[in-house]
């Protein structure tokens, strides 16, 4: 029997079904829009220096976590292998260049198909070698007398988004060659999956944080020490967690 209660139940069922259908249509349209919308950059690549013999990490953020990108050095498309590794963490795209040498300097591009972002990678020790050939530095190193450590380049404070890699770089000389230690807020750092520590025979030193966390915010210090003295340089890391 068709009663007012039955009529109300049918209308309610119809309205619920209609809402469900409209919700599915809305989700479908949003998904289609996401797939068809151009993939743009929320954060561009940034130019950087890196140490020869170490590795460099270039990263950017695109508007879609499902977006596909192509990496290039100049006109050459890069492929996954021993030299280059590529990954993405959500919408963050990452290129790592391994075993750096002077030939790795150049322009690197991340291409979404709709937009491109380009940055310059410079192998820092190429500049430092020229600097180390200056007569005053040569006299300093060739002197028969011990010499306390001196920083030719110092650490620079940086602002980095949460989840991005960052590197601190410096060059220090001394006679005998100084040993170098890294500290965060006074605590000695050891190399692990989170921290990478690189150095070469010409005094180039680098600390890499592979993926910055809010807890990484603080003051980082590089301390160089030999039998003639101690020197240090420090910089602040600020993390944007928004």
C-alpha atoms as a PDB file:
ATOM      1  CA  UNK A   1       0.000   0.000   0.000  1.00  0.00           C
ATOM      2  CA  UNK A   2       1.319   3.431  -0.928  1.00  0.00           C
ATOM      3  CA  UNK A   3       1.363   5.450   2.281  1.00  0.00           C
ATOM      4  CA  UNK A   4       2.814   8.874   3.199  1.00  0.00           C
ATOM      5  CA  UNK A   5       5.591   7.091   5.091  1.00  0.00           C
ATOM      6  CA  UNK A   6       6.377   4.982   2.037  1.00  0.00           C
ATOM      7  CA  UNK A   7       6.344   8.103  -0.140  1.00  0.00           C
ATOM      8  CA  UNK A   8       8.782   9.853   2.212  1.00  0.00           C
ATOM      9  CA  UNK A   9      11.077   6.808   2.198  1.00  0.00           C
ATOM     10  CA  UNK A  10      11.122   6.715  -1.600  1.00  0.00           C
ATOM     11  CA  UNK A  11      11.870  10.442  -1.861  1.00  0.00           C
ATOM     12  CA  UNK A  12      14.670  10.086   0.686  1.00  0.00           C
ATOM     13  CA  UNK A  13      16.158   7.138  -1.197  1.00  0.00           C
ATOM     14  CA  UNK A  14      15.955   9.097  -4.454  1.00  0.00           C
ATOM     15  CA  UNK A  15      17.668  12.138  -2.952  1.00  0.00           C
ATOM     16  CA  UNK A  16      20.457  10.016  -1.436  1.00  0.00           C
ATOM     17  CA  UNK A  17      20.997   8.284  -4.777  1.00  0.00           C
ATOM     18  CA  UNK A  18      21.032  11.636  -6.559  1.00  0.00           C
ATOM     19  CA  UNK A  19      23.615  13.040  -4.137  1.00  0.00           C
ATOM     20  CA  UNK A  20      25.801   9.949  -4.635  1.00  0.00           C
ATOM     21  CA  UNK A  21      25.591  10.267  -8.418  1.00  0.00           C
ATOM     22  CA  UNK A  22      26.408  13.982  -8.311  1.00  0.00           C
ATOM     23  CA  UNK A  23      29.358  13.311  -5.987  1.00  0.00           C
ATOM     24  CA  UNK A  24      30.720  10.685  -8.365  1.00  0.00           C
ATOM     25  CA  UNK A  25      30.290  13.062 -11.303  1.00  0.00           C
ATOM     26  CA  UNK A  26      32.106  15.802  -9.397  1.00  0.00           C
ATOM     27  CA  UNK A  27      34.980  13.483  -8.506  1.00  0.00           C
ATOM     28  CA  UNK A  28      35.159  12.279 -12.107  1.00  0.00           C
ATOM     29  CA  UNK A  29      35.240  15.842 -13.446  1.00  0.00           C
ATOM     30  CA  UNK A  30      37.920  16.824 -10.927  1.00  0.00           C
ATOM     31  CA  UNK A  31      40.010  13.817 -11.935  1.00  0.00           C
ATOM     32  CA  UNK A  32      39.616  14.645 -15.628  1.00  0.00           C
ATOM     33  CA  UNK A  33      40.630  18.237 -14.897  1.00  0.00           C
ATOM     34  CA  UNK A  34      43.712  17.040 -13.007  1.00  0.00           C
ATOM     35  CA  UNK A  35      44.695  14.812 -15.915  1.00  0.00           C
ATOM     36  CA  UNK A  36      44.098  17.475 -18.571  1.00  0.00           C
ATOM     37  CA  UNK A  37      45.388  20.506 -16.667  1.00  0.00           C
ATOM     38  CA  UNK A  38      48.939  21.557 -17.598  1.00  0.00           C
ATOM     39  CA  UNK A  39      51.598  20.394 -15.152  1.00  0.00           C
ATOM     40  CA  UNK A  40      53.414  23.490 -13.896  1.00  0.00           C
ATOM     41  CA  UNK A  41      56.157  24.138 -11.364  1.00  0.00           C
ATOM     42  CA  UNK A  42      55.281  25.020  -7.779  1.00  0.00           C
ATOM     43  CA  UNK A  43      59.008  25.314  -7.030  1.00  0.00           C
ATOM     44  CA  UNK A  44      61.672  25.735  -9.715  1.00  0.00           C
ATOM     45  CA  UNK A  45      65.107  24.143  -9.897  1.00  0.00           C
ATOM     46  CA  UNK A  46      67.829  26.173  -8.207  1.00  0.00           C
ATOM     47  CA  UNK A  47      71.403  26.589  -9.445  1.00  0.00           C
ATOM     48  CA  UNK A  48      74.068  25.249  -7.133  1.00  0.00           C
ATOM     49  CA  UNK A  49      77.735  24.435  -6.630  1.00  0.00           C
ATOM     50  CA  UNK A  50      78.939  20.925  -5.839  1.00  0.00           C
ATOM     51  CA  UNK A  51      82.237  19.250  -5.051  1.00  0.00           C
ATOM     52  CA  UNK A  52      84.164  17.209  -7.590  1.00  0.00           C
ATOM     53  CA  UNK A  53      84.116  13.527  -6.665  1.00  0.00           C
ATOM     54  CA  UNK A  54      80.906  13.901  -4.666  1.00  0.00           C
ATOM     55  CA  UNK A  55      77.330  14.055  -5.887  1.00  0.00           C
ATOM     56  CA  UNK A  56      74.786  16.789  -6.576  1.00  0.00           C
ATOM     57  CA  UNK A  57      71.038  16.728  -5.992  1.00  0.00           C
ATOM     58  CA  UNK A  58      68.687  18.870  -8.083  1.00  0.00           C
ATOM     59  CA  UNK A  59      65.031  19.011  -7.072  1.00  0.00           C
ATOM     60  CA  UNK A  60      61.828  20.804  -7.980  1.00  0.00           C
ATOM     61  CA  UNK A  61      58.125  20.534  -7.184  1.00  0.00           C
ATOM     62  CA  UNK A  62      55.382  20.160  -9.791  1.00  0.00           C
ATOM     63  CA  UNK A  63      51.643  20.720  -9.531  1.00  0.00           C
ATOM     64  CA  UNK A  64      50.618  17.061  -9.909  1.00  0.00           C
ATOM     65  CA  UNK A  65      51.957  14.058  -7.957  1.00  0.00           C
ATOM     66  CA  UNK A  66      51.084  11.929 -11.008  1.00  0.00           C
ATOM     67  CA  UNK A  67      53.005  14.131 -13.439  1.00  0.00           C
ATOM     68  CA  UNK A  68      55.810  12.623 -15.511  1.00  0.00           C
ATOM     69  CA  UNK A  69      59.019  14.517 -16.185  1.00  0.00           C
ATOM     70  CA  UNK A  70      62.068  14.231 -18.426  1.00  0.00           C
ATOM     71  CA  UNK A  71      65.512  15.315 -17.245  1.00  0.00           C
ATOM     72  CA  UNK A  72      68.081  16.779 -19.639  1.00  0.00           C
ATOM     73  CA  UNK A  73      71.615  18.140 -19.496  1.00  0.00           C
ATOM     74  CA  UNK A  74      71.737  20.651 -22.295  1.00  0.00           C
ATOM     75  CA  UNK A  75      69.960  18.920 -25.204  1.00  0.00           C
ATOM     76  CA  UNK A  76      70.794  15.398 -23.958  1.00  0.00           C
ATOM     77  CA  UNK A  77      68.037  13.350 -22.316  1.00  0.00           C
ATOM     78  CA  UNK A  78      69.285  11.696 -19.114  1.00  0.00           C
ATOM     79  CA  UNK A  79      68.555   8.071 -18.239  1.00  0.00           C
ATOM     80  CA  UNK A  80      68.657   6.121 -15.003  1.00  0.00           C
ATOM     81  CA  UNK A  81      72.008   4.449 -14.313  1.00  0.00           C
ATOM     82  CA  UNK A  82      75.261   4.669 -12.379  1.00  0.00           C
ATOM     83  CA  UNK A  83      75.738   8.325 -13.331  1.00  0.00           C
ATOM     84  CA  UNK A  84      72.187   9.583 -12.822  1.00  0.00           C
ATOM     85  CA  UNK A  85      69.433   8.483 -10.480  1.00  0.00           C
ATOM     86  CA  UNK A  86      65.904   9.883 -10.630  1.00  0.00           C
ATOM     87  CA  UNK A  87      63.042   9.606  -8.184  1.00  0.00           C
ATOM     88  CA  UNK A  88      59.934  11.405  -7.038  1.00  0.00           C
ATOM     89  CA  UNK A  89      58.440  11.883  -3.591  1.00  0.00           C
ATOM     90  CA  UNK A  90      54.860  12.873  -4.245  1.00  0.00           C
ATOM     91  CA  UNK A  91      55.066  15.992  -6.386  1.00  0.00           C
ATOM     92  CA  UNK A  92      58.787  16.556  -5.663  1.00  0.00           C
ATOM     93  CA  UNK A  93      61.050  15.454  -8.531  1.00  0.00           C
ATOM     94  CA  UNK A  94      64.701  14.671  -7.752  1.00  0.00           C
ATOM     95  CA  UNK A  95      67.773  14.148  -9.946  1.00  0.00           C
ATOM     96  CA  UNK A  96      71.048  12.976  -8.375  1.00  0.00           C
ATOM     97  CA  UNK A  97      74.300  13.269 -10.356  1.00  0.00           C
ATOM     98  CA  UNK A  98      76.962  10.872  -9.036  1.00  0.00           C
ATOM     99  CA  UNK A  99      80.788  10.898  -9.175  1.00  0.00           C
ATOM    100  CA  UNK A 100      81.002  14.529 -10.193  1.00  0.00           C
ATOM    101  CA  UNK A 101      83.713  15.837 -12.482  1.00  0.00           C
ATOM    102  CA  UNK A 102      84.287  19.062 -14.400  1.00  0.00           C
ATOM    103  CA  UNK A 103      82.269  17.796 -17.388  1.00  0.00           C
ATOM    104  CA  UNK A 104      79.139  17.631 -15.221  1.00  0.00           C
ATOM    105  CA  UNK A 105      79.014  21.429 -15.042  1.00  0.00           C
ATOM    106  CA  UNK A 106      76.242  22.843 -17.191  1.00  0.00           C
ATOM    107  CA  UNK A 107      72.517  23.483 -17.482  1.00  0.00           C
ATOM    108  CA  UNK A 108      70.052  20.848 -16.270  1.00  0.00           C
ATOM    109  CA  UNK A 109      66.366  20.931 -17.209  1.00  0.00           C
ATOM    110  CA  UNK A 110      63.284  19.259 -15.773  1.00  0.00           C
ATOM    111  CA  UNK A 111      60.570  19.062 -18.459  1.00  0.00           C
ATOM    112  CA  UNK A 112      56.931  18.266 -17.621  1.00  0.00           C
ATOM    113  CA  UNK A 113      55.843  18.393 -21.256  1.00  0.00           C
ATOM    114  CA  UNK A 114      53.989  21.637 -20.528  1.00  0.00           C
ATOM    115  CA  UNK A 115      56.694  23.636 -18.753  1.00  0.00           C
ATOM    116  CA  UNK A 116      60.451  23.515 -18.223  1.00  0.00           C
ATOM    117  CA  UNK A 117      62.646  24.536 -15.307  1.00  0.00           C
ATOM    118  CA  UNK A 118      66.397  24.986 -15.809  1.00  0.00           C
ATOM    119  CA  UNK A 119      69.285  25.490 -13.381  1.00  0.00           C
ATOM    120  CA  UNK A 120      73.066  25.574 -13.619  1.00  0.00           C
ATOM    121  CA  UNK A 121      75.298  23.084 -11.831  1.00  0.00           C
ATOM    122  CA  UNK A 122      78.855  24.272 -11.190  1.00  0.00           C
ATOM    123  CA  UNK A 123      81.546  21.968  -9.886  1.00  0.00           C
ATOM    124  CA  UNK A 124      82.888  24.194  -7.137  1.00  0.00           C
ATOM    125  CA  UNK A 125      86.378  22.754  -6.898  1.00  0.00           C
ATOM    126  CA  UNK A 126      87.034  23.899 -10.465  1.00  0.00           C
ATOM    127  CA  UNK A 127      86.983  27.448  -9.070  1.00  0.00           C
ATOM    128  CA  UNK A 128      88.745  26.496  -5.856  1.00  0.00           C
ATOM    129  CA  UNK A 129      91.694  24.975  -7.733  1.00  0.00           C
ATOM    130  CA  UNK A 130      92.295  28.263  -9.519  1.00  0.00           C
ATOM    131  CA  UNK A 131      92.036  30.035  -6.193  1.00  0.00           C
ATOM    132  CA  UNK A 132      94.496  27.647  -4.591  1.00  0.00           C
ATOM    133  CA  UNK A 133      97.090  28.532  -7.236  1.00  0.00           C
ATOM    134  CA  UNK A 134      97.294  32.143  -6.085  1.00  0.00           C
ATOM    135  CA  UNK A 135     100.800  32.972  -4.911  1.00  0.00           C
ATOM    136  CA  UNK A 136      99.859  33.892  -1.364  1.00  0.00           C
ATOM    137  CA  UNK A 137      97.998  30.621  -0.815  1.00  0.00           C
ATOM    138  CA  UNK A 138     100.795  28.647  -2.459  1.00  0.00           C
ATOM    139  CA  UNK A 139     103.337  30.292  -0.161  1.00  0.00           C
ATOM    140  CA  UNK A 140     101.086  29.465   2.767  1.00  0.00           C
ATOM    141  CA  UNK A 141     100.969  25.781   1.816  1.00  0.00           C
ATOM    142  CA  UNK A 142     104.610  25.453   0.720  1.00  0.00           C
ATOM    143  CA  UNK A 143     106.037  27.128   3.770  1.00  0.00           C
ATOM    144  CA  UNK A 144     108.247  24.922   5.903  1.00  0.00           C
ATOM    145  CA  UNK A 145     106.403  26.156   8.990  1.00  0.00           C
ATOM    146  CA  UNK A 146     103.173  24.618  10.317  1.00  0.00           C
ATOM    147  CA  UNK A 147     100.088  26.732   9.683  1.00  0.00           C
ATOM    148  CA  UNK A 148      96.745  26.794  11.459  1.00  0.00           C
ATOM    149  CA  UNK A 149      93.595  26.064   9.398  1.00  0.00           C
ATOM    150  CA  UNK A 150      92.138  28.890   7.307  1.00  0.00           C
ATOM    151  CA  UNK A 151      88.731  28.788   5.586  1.00  0.00           C
ATOM    152  CA  UNK A 152      88.903  30.056   1.999  1.00  0.00           C
ATOM    153  CA  UNK A 153      85.122  29.763   1.627  1.00  0.00           C
ATOM    154  CA  UNK A 154      82.689  29.617   4.524  1.00  0.00           C
ATOM    155  CA  UNK A 155      79.298  28.029   5.116  1.00  0.00           C
ATOM    156  CA  UNK A 156      76.221  29.987   4.012  1.00  0.00           C
ATOM    157  CA  UNK A 157      72.860  30.045   5.836  1.00  0.00           C
ATOM    158  CA  UNK A 158      69.960  28.582   3.849  1.00  0.00           C
ATOM    159  CA  UNK A 159      66.149  28.347   3.776  1.00  0.00           C
ATOM    160  CA  UNK A 160      64.926  24.961   2.519  1.00  0.00           C
ATOM    161  CA  UNK A 161      61.415  23.435   2.194  1.00  0.00           C
ATOM    162  CA  UNK A 162      60.589  20.323   4.197  1.00  0.00           C
ATOM    163  CA  UNK A 163      61.544  17.166   2.268  1.00  0.00           C
ATOM    164  CA  UNK A 164      64.162  18.780   0.025  1.00  0.00           C
ATOM    165  CA  UNK A 165      67.901  17.994   0.047  1.00  0.00           C
ATOM    166  CA  UNK A 166      70.446  20.627   1.060  1.00  0.00           C
ATOM    167  CA  UNK A 167      74.228  20.866   1.128  1.00  0.00           C
ATOM    168  CA  UNK A 168      76.691  22.968   3.113  1.00  0.00           C
ATOM    169  CA  UNK A 169      80.046  23.556   1.379  1.00  0.00           C
ATOM    170  CA  UNK A 170      83.347  25.080   2.430  1.00  0.00           C
ATOM    171  CA  UNK A 171      87.076  24.996   1.642  1.00  0.00           C
ATOM    172  CA  UNK A 172      89.766  24.941   4.324  1.00  0.00           C
ATOM    173  CA  UNK A 173      93.562  24.711   4.121  1.00  0.00           C
ATOM    174  CA  UNK A 174      96.315  24.271   6.686  1.00  0.00           C
ATOM    175  CA  UNK A 175      99.656  22.598   7.308  1.00  0.00           C
ATOM    176  CA  UNK A 176      99.499  19.804   8.163  1.00  0.00           C
ATOM    177  CA  UNK A 177      96.127  19.294   6.427  1.00  0.00           C
ATOM    178  CA  UNK A 178      93.442  19.726   9.086  1.00  0.00           C
ATOM    179  CA  UNK A 179      90.939  17.111  10.139  1.00  0.00           C
ATOM    180  CA  UNK A 180      87.338  18.266   9.790  1.00  0.00           C
ATOM    181  CA  UNK A 181      84.269  17.537  11.896  1.00  0.00           C
ATOM    182  CA  UNK A 182      80.650  18.605  11.440  1.00  0.00           C
ATOM    183  CA  UNK A 183      78.283  19.643  14.236  1.00  0.00           C
ATOM    184  CA  UNK A 184      74.604  20.537  14.561  1.00  0.00           C
ATOM    185  CA  UNK A 185      73.760  22.702  17.564  1.00  0.00           C
ATOM    186  CA  UNK A 186      76.992  21.530  19.185  1.00  0.00           C
ATOM    187  CA  UNK A 187      76.362  17.805  18.590  1.00  0.00           C
ATOM    188  CA  UNK A 188      78.871  15.853  16.482  1.00  0.00           C
ATOM    189  CA  UNK A 189      77.371  14.473  13.254  1.00  0.00           C
ATOM    190  CA  UNK A 190      78.159  11.022  11.889  1.00  0.00           C
ATOM    191  CA  UNK A 191      77.624   9.924   8.291  1.00  0.00           C
ATOM    192  CA  UNK A 192      74.470   7.827   7.758  1.00  0.00           C
ATOM    193  CA  UNK A 193      71.439   7.649   5.452  1.00  0.00           C
ATOM    194  CA  UNK A 194      70.390  11.158   6.518  1.00  0.00           C
ATOM    195  CA  UNK A 195      73.808  12.845   6.476  1.00  0.00           C
ATOM    196  CA  UNK A 196      76.425  12.470   3.732  1.00  0.00           C
ATOM    197  CA  UNK A 197      79.927  13.865   4.313  1.00  0.00           C
ATOM    198  CA  UNK A 198      82.276  14.449   1.361  1.00  0.00           C
ATOM    199  CA  UNK A 199      85.831  15.786   1.159  1.00  0.00           C
ATOM    200  CA  UNK A 200      88.798  15.773  -1.195  1.00  0.00           C
ATOM    201  CA  UNK A 201      92.557  16.295  -0.967  1.00  0.00           C
ATOM    202  CA  UNK A 202      92.335  19.971  -1.916  1.00  0.00           C
ATOM    203  CA  UNK A 203      90.359  21.003   1.137  1.00  0.00           C
ATOM    204  CA  UNK A 204      86.820  20.926  -0.280  1.00  0.00           C
ATOM    205  CA  UNK A 205      84.318  19.731   2.333  1.00  0.00           C
ATOM    206  CA  UNK A 206      80.594  19.126   2.025  1.00  0.00           C
ATOM    207  CA  UNK A 207      77.744  18.082   4.303  1.00  0.00           C
ATOM    208  CA  UNK A 208      74.571  16.881   2.537  1.00  0.00           C
ATOM    209  CA  UNK A 209      71.224  16.377   4.279  1.00  0.00           C
ATOM    210  CA  UNK A 210      69.430  14.006   1.916  1.00  0.00           C
ATOM    211  CA  UNK A 211      65.860  14.966   2.881  1.00  0.00           C
ATOM    212  CA  UNK A 212      65.340  17.891   5.236  1.00  0.00           C
ATOM    213  CA  UNK A 213      63.037  17.452   8.247  1.00  0.00           C
ATOM    214  CA  UNK A 214      61.725  20.178  10.584  1.00  0.00           C
ATOM    215  CA  UNK A 215      64.016  18.716  13.258  1.00  0.00           C
ATOM    216  CA  UNK A 216      67.026  19.577  11.043  1.00  0.00           C
ATOM    217  CA  UNK A 217      66.512  23.280  11.706  1.00  0.00           C
ATOM    218  CA  UNK A 218      69.456  24.701  13.626  1.00  0.00           C
ATOM    219  CA  UNK A 219      73.051  25.913  13.436  1.00  0.00           C
ATOM    220  CA  UNK A 220      75.612  23.793  11.561  1.00  0.00           C
ATOM    221  CA  UNK A 221      79.320  24.187  12.187  1.00  0.00           C
ATOM    222  CA  UNK A 222      82.361  22.853  10.361  1.00  0.00           C
ATOM    223  CA  UNK A 223      85.446  22.666  12.599  1.00  0.00           C
ATOM    224  CA  UNK A 224      88.944  22.197  11.176  1.00  0.00           C
ATOM    225  CA  UNK A 225      91.845  21.299  13.454  1.00  0.00           C
ATOM    226  CA  UNK A 226      95.536  20.506  13.117  1.00  0.00           C
ATOM    227  CA  UNK A 227      98.569  20.678  15.388  1.00  0.00           C
ATOM    228  CA  UNK A 228      98.824  24.444  14.841  1.00  0.00           C
ATOM    229  CA  UNK A 229      95.314  25.483  15.705  1.00  0.00           C
ATOM    230  CA  UNK A 230      91.554  25.324  15.202  1.00  0.00           C
ATOM    231  CA  UNK A 231      89.201  27.224  12.893  1.00  0.00           C
ATOM    232  CA  UNK A 232      85.455  26.986  12.380  1.00  0.00           C
ATOM    233  CA  UNK A 233      82.678  28.293  10.177  1.00  0.00           C
ATOM    234  CA  UNK A 234      78.956  28.075  10.870  1.00  0.00           C
ATOM    235  CA  UNK A 235      75.608  28.702   9.183  1.00  0.00           C
ATOM    236  CA  UNK A 236      71.928  28.379   9.999  1.00  0.00           C
ATOM    237  CA  UNK A 237      69.426  26.043   8.345  1.00  0.00           C
ATOM    238  CA  UNK A 238      65.816  27.232   8.358  1.00  0.00           C
ATOM    239  CA  UNK A 239      63.138  24.713   7.317  1.00  0.00           C
ATOM    240  CA  UNK A 240      59.850  25.733   5.727  1.00  0.00           C
ATOM    241  CA  UNK A 241      57.366  23.029   6.782  1.00  0.00           C
ATOM    242  CA  UNK A 242      54.263  24.627   5.219  1.00  0.00           C
END
